[in-house]
């Protein structure tokens, strides 16, 4: 049985020129064969992931790959920006971001926030 405990692949990163750091826990980064990757974000009050996009061949992309991304809030409250729209998200709320769309998340509240991120190729062939 493969078990990854919280803290096993933890990094504090400043991402995409956002105010940080953002605590990032990357789950089974080197082992998974799933068509998606999984991260846990921890944002202290005032922390943010800067605006970025994922689109192969686009010089503005932070990734060499085209990827869709899903942000799921599990604790706290965040402000999510996708293109020119903003929304406040609370536990259980999620946002889906298609490849090539600029997006970012920030914590404007007085309490820490945590999100699960799922990202992968738009043709991930997931079961429907």
N, C-alpha and C. Protein backbone atom coordinates (compact mmCIF):
# COMPACT_ATOMS: atom_id res chain seq x y z
N UNK A 1 0.85 -1.17 0.00
CA UNK A 1 0.00 0.00 0.00
C UNK A 1 0.89 1.23 0.00
N UNK A 2 0.59 2.16 -0.90
CA UNK A 2 1.32 3.42 -0.95
C UNK A 2 0.56 4.46 -0.15
N UNK A 3 1.21 5.01 0.85
CA UNK A 3 0.61 6.05 1.68
C UNK A 3 1.54 7.24 1.66
N UNK A 4 0.98 8.40 1.43
CA UNK A 4 1.75 9.62 1.55
C UNK A 4 1.16 10.42 2.69
N UNK A 5 1.98 10.78 3.63
CA UNK A 5 1.55 11.56 4.78
C UNK A 5 1.76 13.04 4.50
N UNK A 6 0.92 13.85 5.12
CA UNK A 6 1.08 15.29 4.99
C UNK A 6 2.49 15.67 5.41
N UNK A 7 3.14 16.45 4.60
CA UNK A 7 4.51 16.88 4.87
C UNK A 7 5.55 16.09 4.11
N UNK A 8 5.19 14.95 3.52
CA UNK A 8 6.16 14.11 2.81
C UNK A 8 6.73 14.79 1.56
N UNK A 9 5.94 15.60 0.87
CA UNK A 9 6.40 16.32 -0.32
C UNK A 9 5.92 17.77 -0.23
N UNK A 10 6.27 18.43 0.87
CA UNK A 10 5.82 19.80 1.13
C UNK A 10 6.88 20.80 0.69
N UNK A 11 6.41 21.89 0.09
CA UNK A 11 7.28 22.99 -0.32
C UNK A 11 6.55 24.29 -0.04
N UNK A 12 7.29 25.31 0.35
CA UNK A 12 6.75 26.66 0.45
C UNK A 12 7.29 27.42 -0.75
N UNK A 13 6.39 27.76 -1.67
CA UNK A 13 6.79 28.40 -2.92
C UNK A 13 6.10 29.74 -3.09
N UNK A 14 6.83 30.68 -3.68
CA UNK A 14 6.22 31.90 -4.21
C UNK A 14 5.89 31.56 -5.65
N UNK A 15 4.61 31.69 -6.01
CA UNK A 15 4.16 31.23 -7.31
C UNK A 15 3.68 32.38 -8.18
N UNK A 16 4.21 32.46 -9.39
CA UNK A 16 3.70 33.36 -10.43
C UNK A 16 3.62 34.81 -9.98
N UNK A 17 4.64 35.24 -9.26
CA UNK A 17 4.76 36.62 -8.78
C UNK A 17 3.67 37.01 -7.78
N UNK A 18 3.05 36.02 -7.15
CA UNK A 18 2.04 36.30 -6.13
C UNK A 18 2.71 36.55 -4.79
N UNK A 19 1.93 37.12 -3.86
CA UNK A 19 2.43 37.29 -2.49
C UNK A 19 2.43 35.92 -1.86
N UNK A 20 3.47 35.55 -1.25
CA UNK A 20 3.53 34.20 -0.74
C UNK A 20 4.29 34.15 0.54
N UNK A 21 4.71 33.01 0.91
CA UNK A 21 4.68 31.79 0.10
C UNK A 21 3.35 31.05 0.20
N UNK A 22 3.17 30.14 -0.74
CA UNK A 22 2.04 29.21 -0.73
C UNK A 22 2.60 27.86 -0.32
N UNK A 23 1.99 27.25 0.69
CA UNK A 23 2.39 25.90 1.07
C UNK A 23 1.81 24.91 0.07
N UNK A 24 2.66 24.10 -0.52
CA UNK A 24 2.23 23.16 -1.55
C UNK A 24 2.64 21.75 -1.14
N UNK A 25 1.67 20.87 -1.08
CA UNK A 25 1.91 19.44 -0.86
C UNK A 25 1.52 18.73 -2.15
N UNK A 26 2.49 18.09 -2.81
CA UNK A 26 2.25 17.43 -4.08
C UNK A 26 2.13 15.94 -3.83
N UNK A 27 0.99 15.35 -4.16
CA UNK A 27 0.71 13.95 -3.84
C UNK A 27 1.13 13.00 -4.96
N UNK A 28 2.00 12.07 -4.62
CA UNK A 28 2.47 11.01 -5.52
C UNK A 28 2.98 11.56 -6.85
N UNK A 29 3.71 12.65 -6.76
CA UNK A 29 4.22 13.33 -7.96
C UNK A 29 5.03 12.40 -8.86
N UNK A 30 5.87 11.60 -8.29
CA UNK A 30 6.76 10.73 -9.08
C UNK A 30 6.17 9.36 -9.37
N UNK A 31 5.04 9.01 -8.76
CA UNK A 31 4.55 7.63 -8.85
C UNK A 31 3.24 7.46 -9.61
N UNK A 32 2.44 8.51 -9.67
CA UNK A 32 1.09 8.33 -10.19
C UNK A 32 1.07 8.07 -11.69
N UNK A 33 0.14 7.24 -12.11
CA UNK A 33 -0.13 7.03 -13.53
C UNK A 33 -1.52 7.54 -13.87
N UNK A 34 -2.14 8.25 -12.93
CA UNK A 34 -3.43 8.86 -13.20
C UNK A 34 -3.25 9.98 -14.22
N UNK A 35 -4.30 10.31 -14.98
CA UNK A 35 -4.17 11.38 -15.96
C UNK A 35 -4.26 12.77 -15.35
N UNK A 36 -4.17 12.86 -14.04
CA UNK A 36 -4.22 14.16 -13.37
C UNK A 36 -3.24 14.16 -12.21
N UNK A 37 -2.79 15.36 -11.84
CA UNK A 37 -1.93 15.53 -10.68
C UNK A 37 -2.74 16.14 -9.55
N UNK A 38 -2.30 15.91 -8.30
CA UNK A 38 -3.04 16.39 -7.13
C UNK A 38 -2.09 17.15 -6.22
N UNK A 39 -2.54 18.33 -5.80
CA UNK A 39 -1.79 19.15 -4.84
C UNK A 39 -2.74 19.64 -3.76
N UNK A 40 -2.17 19.91 -2.60
CA UNK A 40 -2.88 20.59 -1.53
C UNK A 40 -2.20 21.94 -1.35
N UNK A 41 -2.97 23.02 -1.44
CA UNK A 41 -2.45 24.36 -1.23
C UNK A 41 -2.83 24.81 0.18
N UNK A 42 -1.90 25.49 0.84
CA UNK A 42 -2.16 26.13 2.12
C UNK A 42 -1.80 27.60 1.96
N UNK A 43 -2.79 28.47 2.13
CA UNK A 43 -2.57 29.91 2.00
C UNK A 43 -2.85 30.59 3.33
N UNK A 44 -1.84 31.18 3.90
CA UNK A 44 -2.01 32.01 5.08
C UNK A 44 -2.71 33.30 4.67
N UNK A 45 -3.28 34.04 5.61
CA UNK A 45 -3.90 35.32 5.26
C UNK A 45 -2.91 36.20 4.48
N UNK A 46 -3.39 36.77 3.38
CA UNK A 46 -2.56 37.64 2.55
C UNK A 46 -1.79 36.92 1.47
N UNK A 47 -1.69 35.59 1.53
CA UNK A 47 -0.93 34.85 0.52
C UNK A 47 -1.74 34.72 -0.76
N UNK A 48 -1.04 34.65 -1.87
CA UNK A 48 -1.71 34.47 -3.15
C UNK A 48 -0.81 33.74 -4.13
N UNK A 49 -1.47 33.03 -5.00
CA UNK A 49 -0.83 32.45 -6.18
C UNK A 49 -1.08 33.50 -7.27
N UNK A 50 -0.06 33.96 -7.93
CA UNK A 50 -0.26 34.98 -8.96
C UNK A 50 -1.01 34.44 -10.17
N UNK A 51 -1.43 35.34 -11.02
CA UNK A 51 -2.14 34.96 -12.23
C UNK A 51 -1.22 34.20 -13.18
N UNK A 52 -1.74 33.15 -13.78
CA UNK A 52 -0.97 32.32 -14.69
C UNK A 52 -1.92 31.53 -15.58
N UNK A 53 -1.36 30.86 -16.58
CA UNK A 53 -2.15 30.00 -17.45
C UNK A 53 -1.30 28.81 -17.87
N UNK A 54 -1.98 27.80 -18.40
CA UNK A 54 -1.32 26.57 -18.85
C UNK A 54 -1.72 26.31 -20.30
N UNK A 55 -0.81 26.57 -21.24
CA UNK A 55 -1.11 26.36 -22.65
C UNK A 55 0.19 26.13 -23.41
N UNK A 56 0.35 24.94 -23.93
CA UNK A 56 1.54 24.58 -24.69
C UNK A 56 1.76 25.58 -25.83
N UNK A 57 3.00 26.03 -25.97
CA UNK A 57 3.36 26.93 -27.06
C UNK A 57 3.09 28.40 -26.80
N UNK A 58 2.40 28.73 -25.72
CA UNK A 58 2.12 30.13 -25.40
C UNK A 58 3.26 30.67 -24.55
N UNK A 59 3.93 31.73 -24.99
CA UNK A 59 5.05 32.25 -24.21
C UNK A 59 4.66 32.75 -22.82
N UNK A 60 3.38 33.05 -22.60
CA UNK A 60 2.91 33.50 -21.29
C UNK A 60 2.61 32.33 -20.35
N UNK A 61 2.64 31.11 -20.85
CA UNK A 61 2.29 29.94 -20.05
C UNK A 61 3.36 29.63 -19.02
N UNK A 62 2.92 29.18 -17.84
CA UNK A 62 3.87 28.77 -16.79
C UNK A 62 4.26 27.31 -16.95
N UNK A 63 3.69 26.65 -17.93
CA UNK A 63 3.90 25.22 -18.13
C UNK A 63 4.16 24.94 -19.60
N UNK A 64 4.91 23.90 -19.88
CA UNK A 64 5.11 23.48 -21.26
C UNK A 64 3.90 22.71 -21.79
N UNK A 65 2.98 22.35 -20.89
CA UNK A 65 1.84 21.53 -21.25
C UNK A 65 0.55 22.34 -21.24
N UNK A 66 -0.43 21.89 -22.01
CA UNK A 66 -1.78 22.42 -21.90
C UNK A 66 -2.49 21.61 -20.84
N UNK A 67 -3.01 22.29 -19.81
CA UNK A 67 -3.66 21.59 -18.72
C UNK A 67 -4.91 22.33 -18.27
N UNK A 68 -5.95 21.56 -17.95
CA UNK A 68 -7.11 22.08 -17.26
C UNK A 68 -6.84 21.94 -15.77
N UNK A 69 -7.51 22.76 -14.95
CA UNK A 69 -7.25 22.74 -13.52
C UNK A 69 -8.55 22.93 -12.75
N UNK A 70 -8.66 22.23 -11.63
CA UNK A 70 -9.81 22.35 -10.75
C UNK A 70 -9.30 22.72 -9.36
N UNK A 71 -9.88 23.75 -8.77
CA UNK A 71 -9.56 24.19 -7.42
C UNK A 71 -10.77 23.88 -6.54
N UNK A 72 -10.56 23.13 -5.45
CA UNK A 72 -11.62 22.77 -4.51
C UNK A 72 -11.23 23.27 -3.12
N UNK A 73 -12.02 24.17 -2.55
CA UNK A 73 -11.72 24.71 -1.23
C UNK A 73 -12.15 23.70 -0.17
N UNK A 74 -11.23 23.36 0.75
CA UNK A 74 -11.56 22.43 1.83
C UNK A 74 -11.59 23.11 3.19
N UNK A 75 -10.97 24.29 3.29
CA UNK A 75 -10.99 25.05 4.56
C UNK A 75 -10.75 26.51 4.25
N UNK A 76 -11.40 27.37 5.02
CA UNK A 76 -11.19 28.80 4.88
C UNK A 76 -11.97 29.41 3.73
N UNK A 77 -11.49 30.57 3.30
CA UNK A 77 -12.16 31.34 2.25
C UNK A 77 -11.10 31.96 1.36
N UNK A 78 -11.32 31.91 0.05
CA UNK A 78 -10.37 32.49 -0.90
C UNK A 78 -11.13 33.29 -1.96
N UNK A 79 -10.39 34.12 -2.66
CA UNK A 79 -10.92 34.83 -3.82
C UNK A 79 -10.24 34.22 -5.04
N UNK A 80 -11.04 33.71 -5.95
CA UNK A 80 -10.53 33.09 -7.17
C UNK A 80 -10.79 34.03 -8.33
N UNK A 81 -9.77 34.25 -9.15
CA UNK A 81 -9.90 35.06 -10.35
C UNK A 81 -9.69 34.15 -11.55
N UNK A 82 -10.64 34.18 -12.48
CA UNK A 82 -10.54 33.42 -13.72
C UNK A 82 -10.89 34.40 -14.84
N UNK A 83 -9.92 34.63 -15.72
CA UNK A 83 -10.05 35.66 -16.76
C UNK A 83 -10.35 36.98 -16.07
N UNK A 84 -11.48 37.59 -16.35
CA UNK A 84 -11.82 38.87 -15.74
C UNK A 84 -12.87 38.75 -14.65
N UNK A 85 -13.17 37.53 -14.21
CA UNK A 85 -14.20 37.33 -13.19
C UNK A 85 -13.58 36.93 -11.86
N UNK A 86 -14.21 37.38 -10.76
CA UNK A 86 -13.78 37.02 -9.41
C UNK A 86 -14.95 36.41 -8.66
N UNK A 87 -14.62 35.44 -7.79
CA UNK A 87 -15.64 34.83 -6.94
C UNK A 87 -15.01 34.47 -5.60
N UNK A 88 -15.78 34.65 -4.53
CA UNK A 88 -15.37 34.21 -3.20
C UNK A 88 -15.78 32.75 -3.07
N UNK A 89 -14.84 31.91 -2.67
CA UNK A 89 -15.09 30.48 -2.51
C UNK A 89 -14.91 30.07 -1.06
N UNK A 90 -15.79 29.19 -0.60
CA UNK A 90 -15.75 28.67 0.76
C UNK A 90 -15.70 27.14 0.70
N UNK A 91 -15.52 26.47 1.84
CA UNK A 91 -15.40 25.01 1.82
C UNK A 91 -16.52 24.33 1.03
N UNK A 92 -16.09 23.44 0.15
CA UNK A 92 -17.01 22.71 -0.72
C UNK A 92 -17.21 23.36 -2.07
N UNK A 93 -16.80 24.63 -2.23
CA UNK A 93 -16.90 25.32 -3.51
C UNK A 93 -15.71 24.94 -4.39
N UNK A 94 -15.94 24.90 -5.69
CA UNK A 94 -14.88 24.56 -6.64
C UNK A 94 -14.97 25.45 -7.87
N UNK A 95 -13.84 25.61 -8.53
CA UNK A 95 -13.76 26.33 -9.80
C UNK A 95 -12.99 25.46 -10.78
N UNK A 96 -13.51 25.40 -12.01
CA UNK A 96 -12.86 24.67 -13.09
C UNK A 96 -12.26 25.68 -14.05
N UNK A 97 -10.97 25.52 -14.40
CA UNK A 97 -10.28 26.45 -15.29
C UNK A 97 -9.78 25.68 -16.50
N UNK A 98 -10.32 25.98 -17.68
CA UNK A 98 -9.84 25.32 -18.89
C UNK A 98 -8.43 25.78 -19.27
N UNK A 99 -7.75 24.96 -20.04
CA UNK A 99 -6.42 25.31 -20.53
C UNK A 99 -6.43 26.69 -21.20
N UNK A 100 -5.34 27.42 -21.03
CA UNK A 100 -5.17 28.70 -21.71
C UNK A 100 -5.89 29.89 -21.09
N UNK A 101 -6.61 29.69 -19.98
CA UNK A 101 -7.33 30.80 -19.34
C UNK A 101 -6.53 31.27 -18.12
N UNK A 102 -6.24 32.56 -18.05
CA UNK A 102 -5.49 33.11 -16.93
C UNK A 102 -6.32 33.00 -15.65
N UNK A 103 -5.64 32.63 -14.55
CA UNK A 103 -6.33 32.43 -13.28
C UNK A 103 -5.35 32.55 -12.12
N UNK A 104 -5.90 32.71 -10.92
CA UNK A 104 -5.10 32.76 -9.70
C UNK A 104 -6.02 32.78 -8.50
N UNK A 105 -5.44 32.51 -7.33
CA UNK A 105 -6.22 32.46 -6.10
C UNK A 105 -5.48 33.23 -5.01
N UNK A 106 -6.25 33.88 -4.13
CA UNK A 106 -5.63 34.62 -3.02
C UNK A 106 -6.51 34.50 -1.78
N UNK A 107 -5.86 34.65 -0.64
CA UNK A 107 -6.55 34.59 0.64
C UNK A 107 -6.62 35.99 1.21
N UNK A 108 -7.79 36.61 1.14
CA UNK A 108 -8.00 37.95 1.69
C UNK A 108 -8.62 37.90 3.08
N UNK A 109 -8.82 36.70 3.62
CA UNK A 109 -9.47 36.57 4.92
C UNK A 109 -8.44 36.65 6.04
N UNK A 110 -8.92 36.53 7.28
CA UNK A 110 -8.05 36.57 8.46
C UNK A 110 -7.65 35.19 8.94
N UNK A 111 -8.03 34.14 8.20
CA UNK A 111 -7.75 32.76 8.61
C UNK A 111 -7.08 32.01 7.47
N UNK A 112 -6.28 30.98 7.79
CA UNK A 112 -5.67 30.16 6.74
C UNK A 112 -6.74 29.49 5.86
N UNK A 113 -6.36 29.18 4.64
CA UNK A 113 -7.25 28.49 3.71
C UNK A 113 -6.50 27.31 3.09
N UNK A 114 -7.25 26.25 2.77
CA UNK A 114 -6.65 25.11 2.09
C UNK A 114 -7.52 24.70 0.91
N UNK A 115 -6.84 24.33 -0.16
CA UNK A 115 -7.51 23.92 -1.39
C UNK A 115 -6.85 22.67 -1.93
N UNK A 116 -7.63 21.82 -2.54
CA UNK A 116 -7.11 20.69 -3.30
C UNK A 116 -7.13 21.12 -4.76
N UNK A 117 -6.00 20.94 -5.45
CA UNK A 117 -5.90 21.24 -6.87
C UNK A 117 -5.74 19.94 -7.65
N UNK A 118 -6.51 19.82 -8.69
CA UNK A 118 -6.41 18.69 -9.62
C UNK A 118 -6.10 19.29 -10.98
N UNK A 119 -5.07 18.81 -11.66
CA UNK A 119 -4.76 19.37 -12.97
C UNK A 119 -4.16 18.30 -13.86
N UNK A 120 -4.45 18.45 -15.14
CA UNK A 120 -3.95 17.49 -16.10
C UNK A 120 -4.37 17.87 -17.50
N UNK A 121 -4.00 17.04 -18.47
CA UNK A 121 -4.32 17.35 -19.86
C UNK A 121 -5.83 17.36 -20.08
N UNK A 122 -6.30 18.26 -20.96
CA UNK A 122 -7.74 18.35 -21.19
C UNK A 122 -8.32 17.08 -21.80
N UNK A 123 -7.49 16.22 -22.37
CA UNK A 123 -7.97 14.97 -22.93
C UNK A 123 -7.60 13.80 -22.03
N UNK A 124 -7.72 14.00 -20.72
CA UNK A 124 -7.31 13.00 -19.73
C UNK A 124 -8.04 11.69 -19.77
N UNK A 125 -9.05 11.59 -20.61
CA UNK A 125 -9.81 10.34 -20.75
C UNK A 125 -10.35 9.84 -19.43
N UNK A 126 -10.81 10.74 -18.59
CA UNK A 126 -11.40 10.33 -17.31
C UNK A 126 -12.75 9.69 -17.56
N UNK A 127 -13.11 8.74 -16.72
CA UNK A 127 -14.42 8.10 -16.82
C UNK A 127 -15.50 9.12 -16.54
N UNK A 128 -16.58 9.05 -17.23
CA UNK A 128 -17.69 9.99 -17.05
C UNK A 128 -18.89 9.27 -16.51
